[in-house]
Amino acid sequence: VLFHTDAVQAFGHIPIDVNYLGVDM
């Protein structure tokens, strides 16, 4: 199943690596 995360509150405030997290969107 595809996985999406709403990172509106997080982006720009904590480090985000989409490959490490494994998110599709």
mmCIF file of all heavy atoms, coordinates in Angstrom:
data_MODEL
# 
_entry.id   MODEL 
# 
loop_
_atom_site.group_PDB 
_atom_site.id 
_atom_site.type_symbol 
_atom_site.label_atom_id 
_atom_site.label_alt_id 
_atom_site.label_comp_id 
_atom_site.label_asym_id 
_atom_site.label_entity_id 
_atom_site.label_seq_id 
_atom_site.pdbx_PDB_ins_code 
_atom_site.Cartn_x 
_atom_site.Cartn_y 
_atom_site.Cartn_z 
_atom_site.occupancy 
_atom_site.B_iso_or_equiv 
_atom_site.pdbx_formal_charge 
_atom_site.auth_seq_id 
_atom_site.auth_comp_id 
_atom_site.auth_asym_id 
_atom_site.auth_atom_id 
_atom_site.pdbx_PDB_model_num 
ATOM 1   N N   . VAL A 1 1  ? 0.838  -1.202 0.000  1.00 0.00 ? 1  VAL A N   1 
ATOM 2   C CA  . VAL A 1 1  ? 0.000  0.000  0.000  1.00 0.00 ? 1  VAL A CA  1 
ATOM 3   C C   . VAL A 1 1  ? 0.874  1.254  0.000  1.00 0.00 ? 1  VAL A C   1 
ATOM 4   O O   . VAL A 1 1  ? 1.918  1.305  0.658  1.00 0.00 ? 1  VAL A O   1 
ATOM 5   C CB  . VAL A 1 1  ? -0.917 0.006  1.244  1.00 0.00 ? 1  VAL A CB  1 
ATOM 6   C CG1 . VAL A 1 1  ? -1.731 1.288  1.315  1.00 0.00 ? 1  VAL A CG1 1 
ATOM 7   C CG2 . VAL A 1 1  ? -1.836 -1.206 1.220  1.00 0.00 ? 1  VAL A CG2 1 
ATOM 8   N N   . LEU A 1 2  ? 0.456  2.285  -0.732 1.00 0.00 ? 2  LEU A N   1 
ATOM 9   C CA  . LEU A 1 2  ? 1.170  3.552  -0.748 1.00 0.00 ? 2  LEU A CA  1 
ATOM 10  C C   . LEU A 1 2  ? 1.039  4.249  0.603  1.00 0.00 ? 2  LEU A C   1 
ATOM 11  O O   . LEU A 1 2  ? 0.009  4.143  1.277  1.00 0.00 ? 2  LEU A O   1 
ATOM 12  C CB  . LEU A 1 2  ? 0.611  4.465  -1.839 1.00 0.00 ? 2  LEU A CB  1 
ATOM 13  C CG  . LEU A 1 2  ? 0.845  4.036  -3.288 1.00 0.00 ? 2  LEU A CG  1 
ATOM 14  C CD1 . LEU A 1 2  ? 0.116  4.982  -4.243 1.00 0.00 ? 2  LEU A CD1 1 
ATOM 15  C CD2 . LEU A 1 2  ? 2.334  4.002  -3.612 1.00 0.00 ? 2  LEU A CD2 1 
ATOM 16  N N   . PHE A 1 3  ? 2.096  4.995  0.961  1.00 0.00 ? 3  PHE A N   1 
ATOM 17  C CA  . PHE A 1 3  ? 2.074  5.712  2.238  1.00 0.00 ? 3  PHE A CA  1 
ATOM 18  C C   . PHE A 1 3  ? 2.337  7.199  2.032  1.00 0.00 ? 3  PHE A C   1 
ATOM 19  O O   . PHE A 1 3  ? 3.300  7.586  1.351  1.00 0.00 ? 3  PHE A O   1 
ATOM 20  C CB  . PHE A 1 3  ? 3.106  5.145  3.213  1.00 0.00 ? 3  PHE A CB  1 
ATOM 21  C CG  . PHE A 1 3  ? 3.095  5.855  4.541  1.00 0.00 ? 3  PHE A CG  1 
ATOM 22  C CD1 . PHE A 1 3  ? 2.102  5.579  5.466  1.00 0.00 ? 3  PHE A CD1 1 
ATOM 23  C CD2 . PHE A 1 3  ? 4.031  6.828  4.834  1.00 0.00 ? 3  PHE A CD2 1 
ATOM 24  C CE1 . PHE A 1 3  ? 2.057  6.260  6.676  1.00 0.00 ? 3  PHE A CE1 1 
ATOM 25  C CE2 . PHE A 1 3  ? 3.990  7.518  6.045  1.00 0.00 ? 3  PHE A CE2 1 
ATOM 26  C CZ  . PHE A 1 3  ? 3.001  7.222  6.961  1.00 0.00 ? 3  PHE A CZ  1 
ATOM 27  N N   . HIS A 1 4  ? 1.487  8.028  2.634  1.00 0.00 ? 4  HIS A N   1 
ATOM 28  C CA  . HIS A 1 4  ? 1.612  9.486  2.573  1.00 0.00 ? 4  HIS A CA  1 
ATOM 29  C C   . HIS A 1 4  ? 1.724  10.057 3.979  1.00 0.00 ? 4  HIS A C   1 
ATOM 30  O O   . HIS A 1 4  ? 1.102  9.551  4.915  1.00 0.00 ? 4  HIS A O   1 
ATOM 31  C CB  . HIS A 1 4  ? 0.374  10.098 1.890  1.00 0.00 ? 4  HIS A CB  1 
ATOM 32  C CG  . HIS A 1 4  ? 0.215  11.567 2.148  1.00 0.00 ? 4  HIS A CG  1 
ATOM 33  N ND1 . HIS A 1 4  ? -0.732 12.074 3.032  1.00 0.00 ? 4  HIS A ND1 1 
ATOM 34  C CD2 . HIS A 1 4  ? 0.878  12.646 1.656  1.00 0.00 ? 4  HIS A CD2 1 
ATOM 35  C CE1 . HIS A 1 4  ? -0.647 13.393 3.057  1.00 0.00 ? 4  HIS A CE1 1 
ATOM 36  N NE2 . HIS A 1 4  ? 0.311  13.761 2.225  1.00 0.00 ? 4  HIS A NE2 1 
ATOM 37  N N   . THR A 1 5  ? 2.532  11.101 4.116  1.00 0.00 ? 5  THR A N   1 
ATOM 38  C CA  . THR A 1 5  ? 2.583  11.811 5.388  1.00 0.00 ? 5  THR A CA  1 
ATOM 39  C C   . THR A 1 5  ? 2.381  13.306 5.169  1.00 0.00 ? 5  THR A C   1 
ATOM 40  O O   . THR A 1 5  ? 2.959  13.905 4.256  1.00 0.00 ? 5  THR A O   1 
ATOM 41  C CB  . THR A 1 5  ? 3.916  11.556 6.127  1.00 0.00 ? 5  THR A CB  1 
ATOM 42  O OG1 . THR A 1 5  ? 3.823  12.115 7.449  1.00 0.00 ? 5  THR A OG1 1 
ATOM 43  C CG2 . THR A 1 5  ? 5.108  12.158 5.406  1.00 0.00 ? 5  THR A CG2 1 
ATOM 44  N N   . ASP A 1 6  ? 1.530  13.889 5.990  1.00 0.00 ? 6  ASP A N   1 
ATOM 45  C CA  . ASP A 1 6  ? 1.325  15.333 6.023  1.00 0.00 ? 6  ASP A CA  1 
ATOM 46  C C   . ASP A 1 6  ? 2.437  15.893 6.913  1.00 0.00 ? 6  ASP A C   1 
ATOM 47  O O   . ASP A 1 6  ? 2.415  15.739 8.125  1.00 0.00 ? 6  ASP A O   1 
ATOM 48  C CB  . ASP A 1 6  ? -0.055 15.629 6.609  1.00 0.00 ? 6  ASP A CB  1 
ATOM 49  C CG  . ASP A 1 6  ? -0.344 17.121 6.748  1.00 0.00 ? 6  ASP A CG  1 
ATOM 50  O OD1 . ASP A 1 6  ? 0.617  17.910 6.831  1.00 0.00 ? 6  ASP A OD1 1 
ATOM 51  O OD2 . ASP A 1 6  ? -1.527 17.496 6.818  1.00 0.00 ? 6  ASP A OD2 1 
ATOM 52  N N   . ALA A 1 7  ? 3.419  16.533 6.272  1.00 0.00 ? 7  ALA A N   1 
ATOM 53  C CA  . ALA A 1 7  ? 4.577  17.065 7.009  1.00 0.00 ? 7  ALA A CA  1 
ATOM 54  C C   . ALA A 1 7  ? 4.519  18.579 7.131  1.00 0.00 ? 7  ALA A C   1 
ATOM 55  O O   . ALA A 1 7  ? 5.554  19.234 7.321  1.00 0.00 ? 7  ALA A O   1 
ATOM 56  C CB  . ALA A 1 7  ? 5.868  16.646 6.314  1.00 0.00 ? 7  ALA A CB  1 
ATOM 57  N N   . VAL A 1 8  ? 3.321  19.134 7.053  1.00 0.00 ? 8  VAL A N   1 
ATOM 58  C CA  . VAL A 1 8  ? 3.156  20.585 7.070  1.00 0.00 ? 8  VAL A CA  1 
ATOM 59  C C   . VAL A 1 8  ? 3.767  21.211 8.322  1.00 0.00 ? 8  VAL A C   1 
ATOM 60  O O   . VAL A 1 8  ? 4.423  22.252 8.252  1.00 0.00 ? 8  VAL A O   1 
ATOM 61  C CB  . VAL A 1 8  ? 1.664  20.960 6.941  1.00 0.00 ? 8  VAL A CB  1 
ATOM 62  C CG1 . VAL A 1 8  ? 1.428  22.430 7.267  1.00 0.00 ? 8  VAL A CG1 1 
ATOM 63  C CG2 . VAL A 1 8  ? 1.169  20.649 5.532  1.00 0.00 ? 8  VAL A CG2 1 
ATOM 64  N N   . GLN A 1 9  ? 3.555  20.600 9.490  1.00 0.00 ? 9  GLN A N   1 
ATOM 65  C CA  . GLN A 1 9  ? 4.101  21.162 10.721 1.00 0.00 ? 9  GLN A CA  1 
ATOM 66  C C   . GLN A 1 9  ? 5.583  20.848 10.906 1.00 0.00 ? 9  GLN A C   1 
ATOM 67  O O   . GLN A 1 9  ? 6.285  21.547 11.636 1.00 0.00 ? 9  GLN A O   1 
ATOM 68  C CB  . GLN A 1 9  ? 3.332  20.623 11.926 1.00 0.00 ? 9  GLN A CB  1 
ATOM 69  C CG  . GLN A 1 9  ? 1.923  21.166 12.068 1.00 0.00 ? 9  GLN A CG  1 
ATOM 70  C CD  . GLN A 1 9  ? 1.900  22.669 12.347 1.00 0.00 ? 9  GLN A CD  1 
ATOM 71  O OE1 . GLN A 1 9  ? 2.747  23.202 13.050 1.00 0.00 ? 9  GLN A OE1 1 
ATOM 72  N NE2 . GLN A 1 9  ? 0.903  23.345 11.798 1.00 0.00 ? 9  GLN A NE2 1 
ATOM 73  N N   . ALA A 1 10 ? 6.053  19.807 10.259 1.00 0.00 ? 10 ALA A N   1 
ATOM 74  C CA  . ALA A 1 10 ? 7.413  19.325 10.507 1.00 0.00 ? 10 ALA A CA  1 
ATOM 75  C C   . ALA A 1 10 ? 8.462  19.882 9.557  1.00 0.00 ? 10 ALA A C   1 
ATOM 76  O O   . ALA A 1 10 ? 9.593  20.170 9.962  1.00 0.00 ? 10 ALA A O   1 
ATOM 77  C CB  . ALA A 1 10 ? 7.432  17.799 10.439 1.00 0.00 ? 10 ALA A CB  1 
ATOM 78  N N   . PHE A 1 11 ? 8.109  20.029 8.278  1.00 0.00 ? 11 PHE A N   1 
ATOM 79  C CA  . PHE A 1 11 ? 9.109  20.439 7.292  1.00 0.00 ? 11 PHE A CA  1 
ATOM 80  C C   . PHE A 1 11 ? 9.669  21.816 7.647  1.00 0.00 ? 11 PHE A C   1 
ATOM 81  O O   . PHE A 1 11 ? 8.934  22.755 7.938  1.00 0.00 ? 11 PHE A O   1 
ATOM 82  C CB  . PHE A 1 11 ? 8.508  20.488 5.885  1.00 0.00 ? 11 PHE A CB  1 
ATOM 83  C CG  . PHE A 1 11 ? 9.524  20.854 4.838  1.00 0.00 ? 11 PHE A CG  1 
ATOM 84  C CD1 . PHE A 1 11 ? 10.363 19.893 4.306  1.00 0.00 ? 11 PHE A CD1 1 
ATOM 85  C CD2 . PHE A 1 11 ? 9.670  22.161 4.409  1.00 0.00 ? 11 PHE A CD2 1 
ATOM 86  C CE1 . PHE A 1 11 ? 11.327 20.221 3.360  1.00 0.00 ? 11 PHE A CE1 1 
ATOM 87  C CE2 . PHE A 1 11 ? 10.619 22.516 3.465  1.00 0.00 ? 11 PHE A CE2 1 
ATOM 88  C CZ  . PHE A 1 11 ? 11.454 21.537 2.939  1.00 0.00 ? 11 PHE A CZ  1 
ATOM 89  N N   . GLY A 1 12 ? 10.993 21.920 7.616  1.00 0.00 ? 12 GLY A N   1 
ATOM 90  C CA  . GLY A 1 12 ? 11.651 23.177 7.953  1.00 0.00 ? 12 GLY A CA  1 
ATOM 91  C C   . GLY A 1 12 ? 11.990 23.296 9.422  1.00 0.00 ? 12 GLY A C   1 
ATOM 92  O O   . GLY A 1 12 ? 12.692 24.235 9.829  1.00 0.00 ? 12 GLY A O   1 
ATOM 93  N N   . HIS A 1 13 ? 11.484 22.363 10.232 1.00 0.00 ? 13 HIS A N   1 
ATOM 94  C CA  . HIS A 1 13 ? 11.712 22.422 11.684 1.00 0.00 ? 13 HIS A CA  1 
ATOM 95  C C   . HIS A 1 13 ? 12.502 21.231 12.217 1.00 0.00 ? 13 HIS A C   1 
ATOM 96  O O   . HIS A 1 13 ? 13.218 21.356 13.207 1.00 0.00 ? 13 HIS A O   1 
ATOM 97  C CB  . HIS A 1 13 ? 10.368 22.515 12.404 1.00 0.00 ? 13 HIS A CB  1 
ATOM 98  C CG  . HIS A 1 13 ? 9.572  23.718 12.014 1.00 0.00 ? 13 HIS A CG  1 
ATOM 99  N ND1 . HIS A 1 13 ? 9.828  24.984 12.518 1.00 0.00 ? 13 HIS A ND1 1 
ATOM 100 C CD2 . HIS A 1 13 ? 8.548  23.875 11.132 1.00 0.00 ? 13 HIS A CD2 1 
ATOM 101 C CE1 . HIS A 1 13 ? 8.985  25.850 11.977 1.00 0.00 ? 13 HIS A CE1 1 
ATOM 102 N NE2 . HIS A 1 13 ? 8.206  25.204 11.127 1.00 0.00 ? 13 HIS A NE2 1 
ATOM 103 N N   . ILE A 1 14 ? 12.349 20.088 11.570 1.00 0.00 ? 14 ILE A N   1 
ATOM 104 C CA  . ILE A 1 14 ? 13.130 18.912 11.928 1.00 0.00 ? 14 ILE A CA  1 
ATOM 105 C C   . ILE A 1 14 ? 13.661 18.284 10.641 1.00 0.00 ? 14 ILE A C   1 
ATOM 106 O O   . ILE A 1 14 ? 13.054 18.447 9.575  1.00 0.00 ? 14 ILE A O   1 
ATOM 107 C CB  . ILE A 1 14 ? 12.298 17.872 12.724 1.00 0.00 ? 14 ILE A CB  1 
ATOM 108 C CG1 . ILE A 1 14 ? 11.095 17.387 11.903 1.00 0.00 ? 14 ILE A CG1 1 
ATOM 109 C CG2 . ILE A 1 14 ? 11.853 18.453 14.064 1.00 0.00 ? 14 ILE A CG2 1 
ATOM 110 C CD1 . ILE A 1 14 ? 10.300 16.278 12.567 1.00 0.00 ? 14 ILE A CD1 1 
ATOM 111 N N   . PRO A 1 15 ? 14.781 17.569 10.690 1.00 0.00 ? 15 PRO A N   1 
ATOM 112 C CA  . PRO A 1 15 ? 15.332 16.949 9.479  1.00 0.00 ? 15 PRO A CA  1 
ATOM 113 C C   . PRO A 1 15 ? 14.372 15.911 8.897  1.00 0.00 ? 15 PRO A C   1 
ATOM 114 O O   . PRO A 1 15 ? 13.769 15.132 9.633  1.00 0.00 ? 15 PRO A O   1 
ATOM 115 C CB  . PRO A 1 15 ? 16.617 16.285 9.983  1.00 0.00 ? 15 PRO A CB  1 
ATOM 116 C CG  . PRO A 1 15 ? 16.957 16.995 11.251 1.00 0.00 ? 15 PRO A CG  1 
ATOM 117 C CD  . PRO A 1 15 ? 15.640 17.356 11.871 1.00 0.00 ? 15 PRO A CD  1 
ATOM 118 N N   . ILE A 1 16 ? 14.245 15.908 7.574  1.00 0.00 ? 16 ILE A N   1 
ATOM 119 C CA  . ILE A 1 16 ? 13.382 14.944 6.885  1.00 0.00 ? 16 ILE A CA  1 
ATOM 120 C C   . ILE A 1 16 ? 14.120 14.381 5.688  1.00 0.00 ? 16 ILE A C   1 
ATOM 121 O O   . ILE A 1 16 ? 14.553 15.134 4.805  1.00 0.00 ? 16 ILE A O   1 
ATOM 122 C CB  . ILE A 1 16 ? 12.062 15.593 6.423  1.00 0.00 ? 16 ILE A CB  1 
ATOM 123 C CG1 . ILE A 1 16 ? 11.261 16.134 7.617  1.00 0.00 ? 16 ILE A CG1 1 
ATOM 124 C CG2 . ILE A 1 16 ? 11.221 14.581 5.636  1.00 0.00 ? 16 ILE A CG2 1 
ATOM 125 C CD1 . ILE A 1 16 ? 10.010 16.892 7.228  1.00 0.00 ? 16 ILE A CD1 1 
ATOM 126 N N   . ASP A 1 17 ? 14.258 13.072 5.664  1.00 0.00 ? 17 ASP A N   1 
ATOM 127 C CA  . ASP A 1 17 ? 14.853 12.363 4.536  1.00 0.00 ? 17 ASP A CA  1 
ATOM 128 C C   . ASP A 1 17 ? 13.801 11.373 4.038  1.00 0.00 ? 17 ASP A C   1 
ATOM 129 O O   . ASP A 1 17 ? 13.491 10.401 4.719  1.00 0.00 ? 17 ASP A O   1 
ATOM 130 C CB  . ASP A 1 17 ? 16.119 11.623 4.985  1.00 0.00 ? 17 ASP A CB  1 
ATOM 131 C CG  . ASP A 1 17 ? 16.841 10.922 3.841  1.00 0.00 ? 17 ASP A CG  1 
ATOM 132 O OD1 . ASP A 1 17 ? 16.162 10.413 2.929  1.00 0.00 ? 17 ASP A OD1 1 
ATOM 133 O OD2 . ASP A 1 17 ? 18.081 10.859 3.862  1.00 0.00 ? 17 ASP A OD2 1 
ATOM 134 N N   . VAL A 1 18 ? 13.241 11.632 2.871  1.00 0.00 ? 18 VAL A N   1 
ATOM 135 C CA  . VAL A 1 18 ? 12.133 10.809 2.393  1.00 0.00 ? 18 VAL A CA  1 
ATOM 136 C C   . VAL A 1 18 ? 12.561 9.363  2.120  1.00 0.00 ? 18 VAL A C   1 
ATOM 137 O O   . VAL A 1 18 ? 11.743 8.439  2.215  1.00 0.00 ? 18 VAL A O   1 
ATOM 138 C CB  . VAL A 1 18 ? 11.491 11.416 1.118  1.00 0.00 ? 18 VAL A CB  1 
ATOM 139 C CG1 . VAL A 1 18 ? 10.760 12.703 1.458  1.00 0.00 ? 18 VAL A CG1 1 
ATOM 140 C CG2 . VAL A 1 18 ? 12.533 11.637 0.024  1.00 0.00 ? 18 VAL A CG2 1 
ATOM 141 N N   . ASN A 1 19 ? 13.826 9.164  1.808  1.00 0.00 ? 19 ASN A N   1 
ATOM 142 C CA  . ASN A 1 19 ? 14.302 7.800  1.577  1.00 0.00 ? 19 ASN A CA  1 
ATOM 143 C C   . ASN A 1 19 ? 14.436 7.031  2.884  1.00 0.00 ? 19 ASN A C   1 
ATOM 144 O O   . ASN A 1 19 ? 14.088 5.857  2.965  1.00 0.00 ? 19 ASN A O   1 
ATOM 145 C CB  . ASN A 1 19 ? 15.644 7.828  0.836  1.00 0.00 ? 19 ASN A CB  1 
ATOM 146 C CG  . ASN A 1 19 ? 15.494 8.316  -0.590 1.00 0.00 ? 19 ASN A CG  1 
ATOM 147 O OD1 . ASN A 1 19 ? 14.655 7.826  -1.331 1.00 0.00 ? 19 ASN A OD1 1 
ATOM 148 N ND2 . ASN A 1 19 ? 16.278 9.305  -0.963 1.00 0.00 ? 19 ASN A ND2 1 
ATOM 149 N N   . TYR A 1 20 ? 14.927 7.700  3.922  1.00 0.00 ? 20 TYR A N   1 
ATOM 150 C CA  . TYR A 1 20 ? 15.026 7.053  5.230  1.00 0.00 ? 20 TYR A CA  1 
ATOM 151 C C   . TYR A 1 20 ? 13.629 6.749  5.772  1.00 0.00 ? 20 TYR A C   1 
ATOM 152 O O   . TYR A 1 20 ? 13.375 5.659  6.292  1.00 0.00 ? 20 TYR A O   1 
ATOM 153 C CB  . TYR A 1 20 ? 15.776 7.952  6.214  1.00 0.00 ? 20 TYR A CB  1 
ATOM 154 C CG  . TYR A 1 20 ? 15.771 7.411  7.622  1.00 0.00 ? 20 TYR A CG  1 
ATOM 155 C CD1 . TYR A 1 20 ? 16.610 6.365  7.988  1.00 0.00 ? 20 TYR A CD1 1 
ATOM 156 C CD2 . TYR A 1 20 ? 14.902 7.938  8.581  1.00 0.00 ? 20 TYR A CD2 1 
ATOM 157 C CE1 . TYR A 1 20 ? 16.588 5.847  9.280  1.00 0.00 ? 20 TYR A CE1 1 
ATOM 158 C CE2 . TYR A 1 20 ? 14.868 7.429  9.865  1.00 0.00 ? 20 TYR A CE2 1 
ATOM 159 C CZ  . TYR A 1 20 ? 15.718 6.382  10.217 1.00 0.00 ? 20 TYR A CZ  1 
ATOM 160 O OH  . TYR A 1 20 ? 15.682 5.876  11.489 1.00 0.00 ? 20 TYR A OH  1 
ATOM 161 N N   . LEU A 1 21 ? 12.722 7.701  5.646  1.00 0.00 ? 21 LEU A N   1 
ATOM 162 C CA  . LEU A 1 21 ? 11.360 7.502  6.153  1.00 0.00 ? 21 LEU A CA  1 
ATOM 163 C C   . LEU A 1 21 ? 10.596 6.486  5.321  1.00 0.00 ? 21 LEU A C   1 
ATOM 164 O O   . LEU A 1 21 ? 9.691  5.823  5.818  1.00 0.00 ? 21 LEU A O   1 
ATOM 165 C CB  . LEU A 1 21 ? 10.608 8.829  6.172  1.00 0.00 ? 21 LEU A CB  1 
ATOM 166 C CG  . LEU A 1 21 ? 11.087 9.883  7.160  1.00 0.00 ? 21 LEU A CG  1 
ATOM 167 C CD1 . LEU A 1 21 ? 10.252 11.156 7.025  1.00 0.00 ? 21 LEU A CD1 1 
ATOM 168 C CD2 . LEU A 1 21 ? 11.034 9.372  8.597  1.00 0.00 ? 21 LEU A CD2 1 
ATOM 169 N N   . GLY A 1 22 ? 10.925 6.399  4.043  1.00 0.00 ? 22 GLY A N   1 
ATOM 170 C CA  . GLY A 1 22 ? 10.246 5.445  3.178  1.00 0.00 ? 22 GLY A CA  1 
ATOM 171 C C   . GLY A 1 22 ? 8.867  5.882  2.729  1.00 0.00 ? 22 GLY A C   1 
ATOM 172 O O   . GLY A 1 22 ? 8.023  5.049  2.392  1.00 0.00 ? 22 GLY A O   1 
ATOM 173 N N   . VAL A 1 23 ? 8.615  7.193  2.699  1.00 0.00 ? 23 VAL A N   1 
ATOM 174 C CA  . VAL A 1 23 ? 7.294  7.684  2.319  1.00 0.00 ? 23 VAL A CA  1 
ATOM 175 C C   . VAL A 1 23 ? 7.170  7.749  0.798  1.00 0.00 ? 23 VAL A C   1 
ATOM 176 O O   . VAL A 1 23 ? 8.147  7.973  0.089  1.00 0.00 ? 23 VAL A O   1 
ATOM 177 C CB  . VAL A 1 23 ? 7.004  9.073  2.937  1.00 0.00 ? 23 VAL A CB  1 
ATOM 178 C CG1 . VAL A 1 23 ? 7.053  8.994  4.452  1.00 0.00 ? 23 VAL A CG1 1 
ATOM 179 C CG2 . VAL A 1 23 ? 7.992  10.122 2.437  1.00 0.00 ? 23 VAL A CG2 1 
ATOM 180 N N   . ASP A 1 24 ? 5.956  7.560  0.307  1.00 0.00 ? 24 ASP A N   1 
ATOM 181 C CA  . ASP A 1 24 ? 5.683  7.653  -1.129 1.00 0.00 ? 24 ASP A CA  1 
ATOM 182 C C   . ASP A 1 24 ? 5.262  9.057  -1.524 1.00 0.00 ? 24 ASP A C   1 
ATOM 183 O O   . ASP A 1 24 ? 5.489  9.487  -2.660 1.00 0.00 ? 24 ASP A O   1 
ATOM 184 C CB  . ASP A 1 24 ? 4.588  6.663  -1.524 1.00 0.00 ? 24 ASP A CB  1 
ATOM 185 C CG  . ASP A 1 24 ? 5.015  5.235  -1.289 1.00 0.00 ? 24 ASP A CG  1 
ATOM 186 O OD1 . ASP A 1 24 ? 5.972  4.796  -1.946 1.00 0.00 ? 24 ASP A OD1 1 
ATOM 187 O OD2 . ASP A 1 24 ? 4.417  4.568  -0.426 1.00 0.00 ? 24 ASP A OD2 1 
ATOM 188 N N   . MET A 1 25 ? 4.631  9.778  -0.572 1.00 0.00 ? 25 MET A N   1 
ATOM 189 C CA  . MET A 1 25 ? 4.181  11.149 -0.821 1.00 0.00 ? 25 MET A CA  1 
ATOM 190 C C   . MET A 1 25 ? 4.313  11.948 0.464  1.00 0.00 ? 25 MET A C   1 
ATOM 191 O O   . MET A 1 25 ? 4.145  11.402 1.561  1.00 0.00 ? 25 MET A O   1 
ATOM 192 C CB  . MET A 1 25 ? 2.735  11.149 -1.317 1.00 0.00 ? 25 MET A CB  1 
ATOM 193 C CG  . MET A 1 25 ? 2.564  10.572 -2.711 1.00 0.00 ? 25 MET A CG  1 
ATOM 194 S SD  . MET A 1 25 ? 0.861  10.042 -3.061 1.00 0.00 ? 25 MET A SD  1 
ATOM 195 C CE  . MET A 1 25 ? 0.791  8.503  -2.148 1.00 0.00 ? 25 MET A CE  1 
# 
